[in-house]
Each structure stands twice: as C-alpha cells, then as structure tokens.
C-alpha cells in the first residue's frame, strides 16, 4: 500500500490534477474564499501527490482546490506530501474521499462560536477577516448581536425586531465607508420587520447599489418588485428536523431557512452571484 515518504514544495507547473479527485464539479467561488484563507494563515494541510504517467510531472490525489487557490494567488510552489508509488484511479479516488472526510469543515455552531470568540478579542469584523481569511460577509453574518448599534440592540431587547432583521437593517444603512447611519438603520428595521425574507434581501441589495435613494422608495420597491417562484421538495425526516433546527437558530421560518440554504449552496458552487 502506498505511503508518504517525504514532504516537499513542488512547482505548480509540475502538477496535474488526477482523475481520482473526488471534487469533479466546478469549484466556483469556493476557490476565492480558500485563497483568502491561505493568504491569511498559510496552507494548513499539504496536498497529496504521486508520480504521474508523465515522468516529469506529479499527479494531485487530494488538494485540487488548494492547488487552484495557489494558482489564483500567483504562488509558484505548493507544499505536498509525496507517496512512494503511483496509485491507480480507484485507489486515488479512495484517498481523495477519505482525506475530505477527515478534513471536514467545522460545524455551523462551532464556526460561529469561534468567530464570535475572535470578534470579542479583536473588536472588529475587519480584524477577524484579516486573522482568518474568511469572507467579510460570513464574519458579519456570524457576529450578530454584539455588533449591533445601541439603538438596534434596544429594539431587539424590547422585542420590536429580531436580531436578524436588525442586522439586515444595519447593513442596509451603511454608507460608502461601511459605517451605518443609526437613524436610517432604525427606520429600515421598523419597515423590514413585517417583510418576507426575499423583500428584506431586496432592500439590502438596493441600498447597497443605490445608497442615496430615499428609504421610503427603497421600501416600496421591495414590497412591489420582489418576484419569487415557489417550489416543492420532498426530504427525509432527518433533513426536515435539521432544517427546523437551522430555522430556529436563525430566527426564521423553515421556508425562508430552506431558501437561504439553497441560495448559499448555489453561490458556493458558482451557479449564482451574491
């Protein structure tokens, strides 16, 4: 059985992606996120390679995304674990699947807890992004109540809005420098509270694209212009239970939770722009 005999830096132009790679779909936006993480923290897990059929090349068995992220960053070499023998496509696929299972991402709760811990230490979203390489939007989403304006915290404490609506309102009230206007944020929170999730997202998008547009116009456009399509899906009881838990954690209903998860998956796979 093949085993690792050495670790070395290998030039990117000496590598080819093996057919046994478990990730066969287009990596999409995931590569951008991974590149940011590698730039911030370095490569935490080397790729695994063996000799390719072309004796001048190395075949990537695990680490396609890490390889592509290094190319995007303009790196010349990448750390790699080298196997002592060439493996066939079946063995390569098994290695790729096993490595991906071992290297599974943190659960949602663990990731949120970790980001919140870092936020409490650093005190700003920007510093957490620099420390972790995570996308700014993801850090902002996970750091909820602590980063609300005092006026919005009071609205949440009084039960006027939930924390998710308050966050959307605050983000929608940002100026060109990312600093929220408290008065606008409160007005938006009041108007967005009874809206659907789709309408709230439309408010946020329109405010981001047209920050000088009057709030009442933005609200009216969101209420009248948001076009949606309803779909039906059949899931197992376990999936349904997981969806309900996610909806409860996010403070929303299961329909909006399902829509959010579908959108997140499509963005992550590169089929939808944020």
C-alpha atoms as a PDB file:
ATOM      1  CA  UNK A   1       0.000   0.000   0.000  1.00  0.00           C
ATOM      2  CA  UNK A   2       1.284   3.463  -0.898  1.00  0.00           C
ATOM      3  CA  UNK A   3       2.664   5.588   1.940  1.00  0.00           C
ATOM      4  CA  UNK A   4       4.043   9.091   2.357  1.00  0.00           C
ATOM      5  CA  UNK A   5       7.827   9.159   2.121  1.00  0.00           C
ATOM      6  CA  UNK A   6       8.558  12.897   2.112  1.00  0.00           C
ATOM      7  CA  UNK A   7       7.144  16.415   2.228  1.00  0.00           C
ATOM      8  CA  UNK A   8       8.421  18.944  -0.283  1.00  0.00           C
ATOM      9  CA  UNK A   9       7.497  22.126  -2.155  1.00  0.00           C
ATOM     10  CA  UNK A  10       6.526  21.320  -5.733  1.00  0.00           C
ATOM     11  CA  UNK A  11       6.285  23.922  -8.547  1.00  0.00           C
ATOM     12  CA  UNK A  12       2.686  24.389  -9.695  1.00  0.00           C
ATOM     13  CA  UNK A  13       3.635  23.827 -13.343  1.00  0.00           C
ATOM     14  CA  UNK A  14       4.929  20.366 -12.413  1.00  0.00           C
ATOM     15  CA  UNK A  15       1.473  19.251 -11.204  1.00  0.00           C
ATOM     16  CA  UNK A  16      -1.554  17.728 -12.938  1.00  0.00           C
ATOM     17  CA  UNK A  17      -4.982  17.109 -11.377  1.00  0.00           C
ATOM     18  CA  UNK A  18      -5.658  13.391 -11.089  1.00  0.00           C
ATOM     19  CA  UNK A  19      -8.845  11.771 -12.398  1.00  0.00           C
ATOM     20  CA  UNK A  20      -9.474  10.338  -8.941  1.00  0.00           C
ATOM     21  CA  UNK A  21     -10.197  13.730  -7.391  1.00  0.00           C
ATOM     22  CA  UNK A  22     -13.489  13.499  -5.504  1.00  0.00           C
ATOM     23  CA  UNK A  23     -14.382  17.101  -6.393  1.00  0.00           C
ATOM     24  CA  UNK A  24     -15.394  16.949 -10.049  1.00  0.00           C
ATOM     25  CA  UNK A  25     -17.720  19.971 -10.267  1.00  0.00           C
ATOM     26  CA  UNK A  26     -16.526  23.497 -10.971  1.00  0.00           C
ATOM     27  CA  UNK A  27     -15.188  24.838  -7.636  1.00  0.00           C
ATOM     28  CA  UNK A  28     -16.680  28.299  -8.267  1.00  0.00           C
ATOM     29  CA  UNK A  29     -16.475  30.920  -5.544  1.00  0.00           C
ATOM     30  CA  UNK A  30     -15.062  28.407  -3.031  1.00  0.00           C
ATOM     31  CA  UNK A  31     -11.617  28.978  -4.536  1.00  0.00           C
ATOM     32  CA  UNK A  32     -11.755  32.712  -3.804  1.00  0.00           C
ATOM     33  CA  UNK A  33     -12.673  32.030  -0.158  1.00  0.00           C
ATOM     34  CA  UNK A  34      -9.949  29.394   0.183  1.00  0.00           C
ATOM     35  CA  UNK A  35      -7.361  31.694  -1.395  1.00  0.00           C
ATOM     36  CA  UNK A  36      -8.209  34.377   1.176  1.00  0.00           C
ATOM     37  CA  UNK A  37      -7.775  31.842   3.970  1.00  0.00           C
ATOM     38  CA  UNK A  38      -4.423  30.616   2.622  1.00  0.00           C
ATOM     39  CA  UNK A  39      -3.197  34.192   2.208  1.00  0.00           C
ATOM     40  CA  UNK A  40      -4.111  34.940   5.836  1.00  0.00           C
ATOM     41  CA  UNK A  41      -2.977  31.711   7.530  1.00  0.00           C
ATOM     42  CA  UNK A  42      -0.861  29.854   5.024  1.00  0.00           C
ATOM     43  CA  UNK A  43      -1.595  26.318   3.812  1.00  0.00           C
ATOM     44  CA  UNK A  44      -2.562  24.239   6.855  1.00  0.00           C
ATOM     45  CA  UNK A  45      -2.844  20.913   5.005  1.00  0.00           C
ATOM     46  CA  UNK A  46      -0.434  19.927   2.213  1.00  0.00           C
ATOM     47  CA  UNK A  47      -1.753  18.324  -0.956  1.00  0.00           C
ATOM     48  CA  UNK A  48      -1.017  14.628  -1.626  1.00  0.00           C
ATOM     49  CA  UNK A  49       0.720  13.594  -4.841  1.00  0.00           C
ATOM     50  CA  UNK A  50       2.253  10.615  -6.583  1.00  0.00           C
ATOM     51  CA  UNK A  51       4.305  10.271  -9.727  1.00  0.00           C
ATOM     52  CA  UNK A  52       2.238  10.978 -12.861  1.00  0.00           C
ATOM     53  CA  UNK A  53       2.346   8.926 -16.064  1.00  0.00           C
ATOM     54  CA  UNK A  54       4.463  11.745 -17.455  1.00  0.00           C
ATOM     55  CA  UNK A  55       7.672  11.196 -15.507  1.00  0.00           C
ATOM     56  CA  UNK A  56       8.267  14.948 -15.396  1.00  0.00           C
ATOM     57  CA  UNK A  57       5.009  15.643 -13.527  1.00  0.00           C
ATOM     58  CA  UNK A  58       3.280  14.897 -10.227  1.00  0.00           C
ATOM     59  CA  UNK A  59      -0.383  13.858 -10.031  1.00  0.00           C
ATOM     60  CA  UNK A  60      -2.601  15.529  -7.422  1.00  0.00           C
ATOM     61  CA  UNK A  61      -4.551  12.898  -5.487  1.00  0.00           C
ATOM     62  CA  UNK A  62      -6.030  15.274  -2.894  1.00  0.00           C
ATOM     63  CA  UNK A  63      -5.929  19.070  -2.870  1.00  0.00           C
ATOM     64  CA  UNK A  64      -7.401  20.243  -6.171  1.00  0.00           C
ATOM     65  CA  UNK A  65      -8.965  23.327  -4.536  1.00  0.00           C
ATOM     66  CA  UNK A  66      -5.776  24.143  -2.647  1.00  0.00           C
ATOM     67  CA  UNK A  67      -3.811  23.853  -5.886  1.00  0.00           C
ATOM     68  CA  UNK A  68      -6.243  26.159  -7.750  1.00  0.00           C
ATOM     69  CA  UNK A  69      -6.203  28.643  -4.858  1.00  0.00           C
ATOM     70  CA  UNK A  70      -2.391  28.778  -5.021  1.00  0.00           C
ATOM     71  CA  UNK A  71      -2.615  29.463  -8.766  1.00  0.00           C
ATOM     72  CA  UNK A  72      -5.091  32.261  -8.100  1.00  0.00           C
ATOM     73  CA  UNK A  73      -2.703  33.771  -5.540  1.00  0.00           C
ATOM     74  CA  UNK A  74       0.141  33.655  -8.054  1.00  0.00           C
ATOM     75  CA  UNK A  75       2.208  31.244  -5.968  1.00  0.00           C
ATOM     76  CA  UNK A  76       4.990  29.326  -7.691  1.00  0.00           C
ATOM     77  CA  UNK A  77       5.137  26.273  -5.392  1.00  0.00           C
ATOM     78  CA  UNK A  78       2.837  24.364  -3.023  1.00  0.00           C
ATOM     79  CA  UNK A  79       3.678  22.076  -0.054  1.00  0.00           C
ATOM     80  CA  UNK A  80       2.950  18.434  -0.881  1.00  0.00           C
ATOM     81  CA  UNK A  81       3.088  15.006   0.729  1.00  0.00           C
ATOM     82  CA  UNK A  82       4.700  12.591  -1.751  1.00  0.00           C
ATOM     83  CA  UNK A  83       3.676   8.924  -1.950  1.00  0.00           C
ATOM     84  CA  UNK A  84       6.309   6.271  -2.564  1.00  0.00           C
ATOM     85  CA  UNK A  85       4.485   4.744  -5.534  1.00  0.00           C
ATOM     86  CA  UNK A  86       1.980   5.530  -8.222  1.00  0.00           C
ATOM     87  CA  UNK A  87      -1.627   4.536  -7.434  1.00  0.00           C
ATOM     88  CA  UNK A  88      -4.421   3.616  -9.847  1.00  0.00           C
ATOM     89  CA  UNK A  89      -7.585   5.669 -10.309  1.00  0.00           C
ATOM     90  CA  UNK A  90      -9.592   3.582  -7.835  1.00  0.00           C
ATOM     91  CA  UNK A  91      -7.022   3.991  -5.072  1.00  0.00           C
ATOM     92  CA  UNK A  92      -6.732   7.692  -5.855  1.00  0.00           C
ATOM     93  CA  UNK A  93     -10.489   8.173  -5.527  1.00  0.00           C
ATOM     94  CA  UNK A  94     -10.479   6.343  -2.164  1.00  0.00           C
ATOM     95  CA  UNK A  95      -7.633   8.510  -0.867  1.00  0.00           C
ATOM     96  CA  UNK A  96      -9.426  11.677  -2.012  1.00  0.00           C
ATOM     97  CA  UNK A  97     -12.717  10.722  -0.350  1.00  0.00           C
ATOM     98  CA  UNK A  98     -11.030   9.682   2.905  1.00  0.00           C
ATOM     99  CA  UNK A  99      -8.945  12.860   3.074  1.00  0.00           C
ATOM    100  CA  UNK A 100     -12.015  15.028   2.518  1.00  0.00           C
ATOM    101  CA  UNK A 101     -13.917  13.200   5.261  1.00  0.00           C
ATOM    102  CA  UNK A 102     -11.044  13.622   7.702  1.00  0.00           C
ATOM    103  CA  UNK A 103     -10.684  17.278   6.767  1.00  0.00           C
ATOM    104  CA  UNK A 104     -14.399  18.125   7.136  1.00  0.00           C
ATOM    105  CA  UNK A 105     -15.206  21.737   7.926  1.00  0.00           C
ATOM    106  CA  UNK A 106     -16.276  22.877  11.364  1.00  0.00           C
ATOM    107  CA  UNK A 107     -19.983  22.600  12.090  1.00  0.00           C
ATOM    108  CA  UNK A 108     -22.023  25.776  11.791  1.00  0.00           C
ATOM    109  CA  UNK A 109     -22.233  26.225  15.570  1.00  0.00           C
ATOM    110  CA  UNK A 110     -18.504  25.616  16.115  1.00  0.00           C
ATOM    111  CA  UNK A 111     -17.620  28.085  13.376  1.00  0.00           C
ATOM    112  CA  UNK A 112     -19.994  30.734  14.725  1.00  0.00           C
ATOM    113  CA  UNK A 113     -18.689  30.292  18.281  1.00  0.00           C
ATOM    114  CA  UNK A 114     -15.098  30.594  17.060  1.00  0.00           C
ATOM    115  CA  UNK A 115     -15.774  33.741  15.045  1.00  0.00           C
ATOM    116  CA  UNK A 116     -17.640  35.334  17.946  1.00  0.00           C
ATOM    117  CA  UNK A 117     -14.715  34.484  20.254  1.00  0.00           C
ATOM    118  CA  UNK A 118     -12.282  36.191  17.853  1.00  0.00           C
ATOM    119  CA  UNK A 119     -14.620  39.173  17.461  1.00  0.00           C
ATOM    120  CA  UNK A 120     -14.679  39.644  21.243  1.00  0.00           C
ATOM    121  CA  UNK A 121     -10.864  39.627  21.229  1.00  0.00           C
ATOM    122  CA  UNK A 122     -10.194  41.817  18.183  1.00  0.00           C
ATOM    123  CA  UNK A 123     -13.265  44.040  18.448  1.00  0.00           C
ATOM    124  CA  UNK A 124     -13.901  44.437  14.722  1.00  0.00           C
ATOM    125  CA  UNK A 125     -15.081  42.419  11.746  1.00  0.00           C
ATOM    126  CA  UNK A 126     -12.146  43.670   9.649  1.00  0.00           C
ATOM    127  CA  UNK A 127      -9.588  42.257  12.109  1.00  0.00           C
ATOM    128  CA  UNK A 128     -11.363  38.891  12.230  1.00  0.00           C
ATOM    129  CA  UNK A 129     -11.321  38.754   8.419  1.00  0.00           C
ATOM    130  CA  UNK A 130      -7.582  39.520   8.397  1.00  0.00           C
ATOM    131  CA  UNK A 131      -6.877  36.871  11.036  1.00  0.00           C
ATOM    132  CA  UNK A 132      -8.919  34.074   9.463  1.00  0.00           C
ATOM    133  CA  UNK A 133      -9.142  34.860   5.763  1.00  0.00           C
ATOM    134  CA  UNK A 134     -12.899  34.251   5.914  1.00  0.00           C
ATOM    135  CA  UNK A 135     -15.149  36.395   3.704  1.00  0.00           C
ATOM    136  CA  UNK A 136     -16.315  39.632   5.337  1.00  0.00           C
ATOM    137  CA  UNK A 137     -19.956  38.759   4.646  1.00  0.00           C
ATOM    138  CA  UNK A 138     -19.632  35.445   6.503  1.00  0.00           C
ATOM    139  CA  UNK A 139     -17.983  37.046   9.539  1.00  0.00           C
ATOM    140  CA  UNK A 140     -20.653  39.750   9.624  1.00  0.00           C
ATOM    141  CA  UNK A 141     -23.368  37.110   9.466  1.00  0.00           C
ATOM    142  CA  UNK A 142     -21.935  35.126  12.368  1.00  0.00           C
ATOM    143  CA  UNK A 143     -21.271  38.100  14.632  1.00  0.00           C
ATOM    144  CA  UNK A 144     -24.791  39.232  15.306  1.00  0.00           C
ATOM    145  CA  UNK A 145     -25.978  40.965  18.476  1.00  0.00           C
ATOM    146  CA  UNK A 146     -22.510  42.161  19.634  1.00  0.00           C
ATOM    147  CA  UNK A 147     -22.025  44.326  16.533  1.00  0.00           C
ATOM    148  CA  UNK A 148     -25.458  45.971  16.509  1.00  0.00           C
ATOM    149  CA  UNK A 149     -25.795  49.708  17.043  1.00  0.00           C
ATOM    150  CA  UNK A 150     -27.110  50.607  20.526  1.00  0.00           C
ATOM    151  CA  UNK A 151     -30.388  51.797  19.009  1.00  0.00           C
ATOM    152  CA  UNK A 152     -30.913  48.437  17.294  1.00  0.00           C
ATOM    153  CA  UNK A 153     -29.878  46.467  20.377  1.00  0.00           C
ATOM    154  CA  UNK A 154     -32.660  48.270  22.264  1.00  0.00           C
ATOM    155  CA  UNK A 155     -35.174  47.333  19.558  1.00  0.00           C
ATOM    156  CA  UNK A 156     -34.087  43.686  19.834  1.00  0.00           C
ATOM    157  CA  UNK A 157     -34.206  43.794  23.652  1.00  0.00           C
ATOM    158  CA  UNK A 158     -37.720  45.314  23.519  1.00  0.00           C
ATOM    159  CA  UNK A 159     -38.910  42.610  21.117  1.00  0.00           C
ATOM    160  CA  UNK A 160     -39.647  45.085  18.323  1.00  0.00           C
ATOM    161  CA  UNK A 161     -37.455  43.174  15.839  1.00  0.00           C
ATOM    162  CA  UNK A 162     -35.363  40.023  15.920  1.00  0.00           C
ATOM    163  CA  UNK A 163     -31.595  40.167  15.663  1.00  0.00           C
ATOM    164  CA  UNK A 164     -31.524  39.002  12.028  1.00  0.00           C
ATOM    165  CA  UNK A 165     -33.818  41.811  10.870  1.00  0.00           C
ATOM    166  CA  UNK A 166     -31.808  44.309  12.913  1.00  0.00           C
ATOM    167  CA  UNK A 167     -28.587  43.140  11.248  1.00  0.00           C
ATOM    168  CA  UNK A 168     -30.066  43.411   7.765  1.00  0.00           C
ATOM    169  CA  UNK A 169     -31.294  46.900   8.566  1.00  0.00           C
ATOM    170  CA  UNK A 170     -27.890  47.944   9.909  1.00  0.00           C
ATOM    171  CA  UNK A 171     -26.038  46.571   6.879  1.00  0.00           C
ATOM    172  CA  UNK A 172     -28.540  48.279   4.569  1.00  0.00           C
ATOM    173  CA  UNK A 173     -27.884  51.580   6.357  1.00  0.00           C
ATOM    174  CA  UNK A 174     -24.131  51.536   5.656  1.00  0.00           C
ATOM    175  CA  UNK A 175     -22.565  54.467   3.841  1.00  0.00           C
ATOM    176  CA  UNK A 176     -19.766  54.187   1.262  1.00  0.00           C
ATOM    177  CA  UNK A 177     -17.250  53.616   4.081  1.00  0.00           C
ATOM    178  CA  UNK A 178     -19.261  50.811   5.662  1.00  0.00           C
ATOM    179  CA  UNK A 179     -20.412  52.966   8.581  1.00  0.00           C
ATOM    180  CA  UNK A 180     -24.148  52.640   9.369  1.00  0.00           C
ATOM    181  CA  UNK A 181     -26.411  55.658   9.838  1.00  0.00           C
ATOM    182  CA  UNK A 182     -28.287  54.977  13.101  1.00  0.00           C
ATOM    183  CA  UNK A 183     -31.401  56.942  12.111  1.00  0.00           C
ATOM    184  CA  UNK A 184     -31.680  55.172   8.756  1.00  0.00           C
ATOM    185  CA  UNK A 185     -30.999  51.798  10.391  1.00  0.00           C
ATOM    186  CA  UNK A 186     -33.863  52.237  12.878  1.00  0.00           C
ATOM    187  CA  UNK A 187     -36.253  53.302  10.111  1.00  0.00           C
ATOM    188  CA  UNK A 188     -35.268  50.345   7.975  1.00  0.00           C
ATOM    189  CA  UNK A 189     -35.626  47.913  10.892  1.00  0.00           C
ATOM    190  CA  UNK A 190     -39.157  49.133  11.577  1.00  0.00           C
ATOM    191  CA  UNK A 191     -40.145  48.760   7.923  1.00  0.00           C
ATOM    192  CA  UNK A 192     -38.377  45.434   7.360  1.00  0.00           C
ATOM    193  CA  UNK A 193     -39.780  43.664  10.442  1.00  0.00           C
ATOM    194  CA  UNK A 194     -43.064  42.556   8.775  1.00  0.00           C
ATOM    195  CA  UNK A 195     -41.452  41.823   5.381  1.00  0.00           C
ATOM    196  CA  UNK A 196     -40.654  38.437   3.881  1.00  0.00           C
ATOM    197  CA  UNK A 197     -37.036  37.287   3.664  1.00  0.00           C
ATOM    198  CA  UNK A 198     -36.985  37.949  -0.090  1.00  0.00           C
ATOM    199  CA  UNK A 199     -38.202  41.505   0.398  1.00  0.00           C
ATOM    200  CA  UNK A 200     -35.602  42.157   3.106  1.00  0.00           C
ATOM    201  CA  UNK A 201     -32.832  40.944   0.834  1.00  0.00           C
ATOM    202  CA  UNK A 202     -34.105  43.226  -1.924  1.00  0.00           C
ATOM    203  CA  UNK A 203     -33.946  46.188   0.469  1.00  0.00           C
ATOM    204  CA  UNK A 204     -30.348  45.339   1.381  1.00  0.00           C
ATOM    205  CA  UNK A 205     -29.313  44.875  -2.248  1.00  0.00           C
ATOM    206  CA  UNK A 206     -30.961  48.101  -3.439  1.00  0.00           C
ATOM    207  CA  UNK A 207     -29.463  50.121  -0.583  1.00  0.00           C
ATOM    208  CA  UNK A 208     -26.033  48.702  -1.378  1.00  0.00           C
ATOM    209  CA  UNK A 209     -26.357  49.577  -5.052  1.00  0.00           C
ATOM    210  CA  UNK A 210     -28.129  52.930  -4.516  1.00  0.00           C
ATOM    211  CA  UNK A 211     -27.193  54.254  -1.036  1.00  0.00           C
ATOM    212  CA  UNK A 212     -28.553  57.748  -1.816  1.00  0.00           C
ATOM    213  CA  UNK A 213     -32.025  56.525  -2.799  1.00  0.00           C
ATOM    214  CA  UNK A 214     -34.730  57.613  -0.278  1.00  0.00           C
ATOM    215  CA  UNK A 215     -35.640  54.910   2.247  1.00  0.00           C
ATOM    216  CA  UNK A 216     -39.370  55.090   1.508  1.00  0.00           C
ATOM    217  CA  UNK A 217     -38.678  54.485  -2.199  1.00  0.00           C
ATOM    218  CA  UNK A 218     -36.453  51.505  -1.419  1.00  0.00           C
ATOM    219  CA  UNK A 219     -39.126  50.025   0.865  1.00  0.00           C
ATOM    220  CA  UNK A 220     -41.854  50.492  -1.735  1.00  0.00           C
ATOM    221  CA  UNK A 221     -39.729  48.869  -4.453  1.00  0.00           C
ATOM    222  CA  UNK A 222     -39.058  45.886  -2.193  1.00  0.00           C
ATOM    223  CA  UNK A 223     -42.739  45.399  -1.441  1.00  0.00           C
ATOM    224  CA  UNK A 224     -43.909  45.635  -5.033  1.00  0.00           C
ATOM    225  CA  UNK A 225     -40.973  44.463  -7.104  1.00  0.00           C
ATOM    226  CA  UNK A 226     -39.771  41.265  -5.473  1.00  0.00           C
ATOM    227  CA  UNK A 227     -40.598  38.370  -7.810  1.00  0.00           C
ATOM    228  CA  UNK A 228     -40.439  34.882  -6.327  1.00  0.00           C
ATOM    229  CA  UNK A 229     -41.063  31.337  -7.522  1.00  0.00           C
ATOM    230  CA  UNK A 230     -42.374  28.706  -5.142  1.00  0.00           C
ATOM    231  CA  UNK A 231     -41.002  25.175  -5.368  1.00  0.00           C
ATOM    232  CA  UNK A 232     -41.786  21.968  -3.516  1.00  0.00           C
ATOM    233  CA  UNK A 233     -39.212  19.465  -2.315  1.00  0.00           C
ATOM    234  CA  UNK A 234     -39.516  16.082  -0.619  1.00  0.00           C
ATOM    235  CA  UNK A 235     -36.965  15.436   2.130  1.00  0.00           C
ATOM    236  CA  UNK A 236     -36.346  12.777   4.763  1.00  0.00           C
ATOM    237  CA  UNK A 237     -37.413  13.248   8.366  1.00  0.00           C
ATOM    238  CA  UNK A 238     -33.791  13.800   9.391  1.00  0.00           C
ATOM    239  CA  UNK A 239     -33.359  16.576   6.815  1.00  0.00           C
ATOM    240  CA  UNK A 240     -36.634  18.161   7.890  1.00  0.00           C
ATOM    241  CA  UNK A 241     -35.565  18.065  11.532  1.00  0.00           C
ATOM    242  CA  UNK A 242     -32.232  19.632  10.616  1.00  0.00           C
ATOM    243  CA  UNK A 243     -33.975  22.349   8.627  1.00  0.00           C
ATOM    244  CA  UNK A 244     -36.236  23.165  11.578  1.00  0.00           C
ATOM    245  CA  UNK A 245     -33.225  23.419  13.908  1.00  0.00           C
ATOM    246  CA  UNK A 246     -31.470  25.717  11.438  1.00  0.00           C
ATOM    247  CA  UNK A 247     -34.587  27.886  11.107  1.00  0.00           C
ATOM    248  CA  UNK A 248     -34.873  28.168  14.889  1.00  0.00           C
ATOM    249  CA  UNK A 249     -31.197  29.115  15.216  1.00  0.00           C
ATOM    250  CA  UNK A 250     -31.578  31.767  12.505  1.00  0.00           C
ATOM    251  CA  UNK A 251     -34.833  33.103  13.956  1.00  0.00           C
ATOM    252  CA  UNK A 252     -36.874  32.487  10.807  1.00  0.00           C
ATOM    253  CA  UNK A 253     -39.432  30.043   9.416  1.00  0.00           C
ATOM    254  CA  UNK A 254     -38.474  26.860   7.597  1.00  0.00           C
ATOM    255  CA  UNK A 255     -39.458  28.156   4.141  1.00  0.00           C
ATOM    256  CA  UNK A 256     -37.091  31.121   4.400  1.00  0.00           C
ATOM    257  CA  UNK A 257     -34.438  28.904   6.002  1.00  0.00           C
ATOM    258  CA  UNK A 258     -34.654  26.466   3.075  1.00  0.00           C
ATOM    259  CA  UNK A 259     -34.447  29.326   0.575  1.00  0.00           C
ATOM    260  CA  UNK A 260     -31.360  30.709   2.354  1.00  0.00           C
ATOM    261  CA  UNK A 261     -29.617  27.318   2.328  1.00  0.00           C
ATOM    262  CA  UNK A 262     -30.385  26.783  -1.362  1.00  0.00           C
ATOM    263  CA  UNK A 263     -29.023  30.221  -2.228  1.00  0.00           C
ATOM    264  CA  UNK A 264     -25.894  29.674  -0.119  1.00  0.00           C
ATOM    265  CA  UNK A 265     -25.234  26.348  -1.857  1.00  0.00           C
ATOM    266  CA  UNK A 266     -25.707  27.856  -5.330  1.00  0.00           C
ATOM    267  CA  UNK A 267     -23.358  30.755  -4.551  1.00  0.00           C
ATOM    268  CA  UNK A 268     -20.771  28.382  -3.095  1.00  0.00           C
ATOM    269  CA  UNK A 269     -20.861  26.175  -6.192  1.00  0.00           C
ATOM    270  CA  UNK A 270     -20.575  29.137  -8.538  1.00  0.00           C
ATOM    271  CA  UNK A 271     -24.067  28.872 -10.048  1.00  0.00           C
ATOM    272  CA  UNK A 272     -25.316  32.165  -8.581  1.00  0.00           C
ATOM    273  CA  UNK A 273     -23.702  35.521  -7.933  1.00  0.00           C
ATOM    274  CA  UNK A 274     -24.020  37.008  -4.454  1.00  0.00           C
END
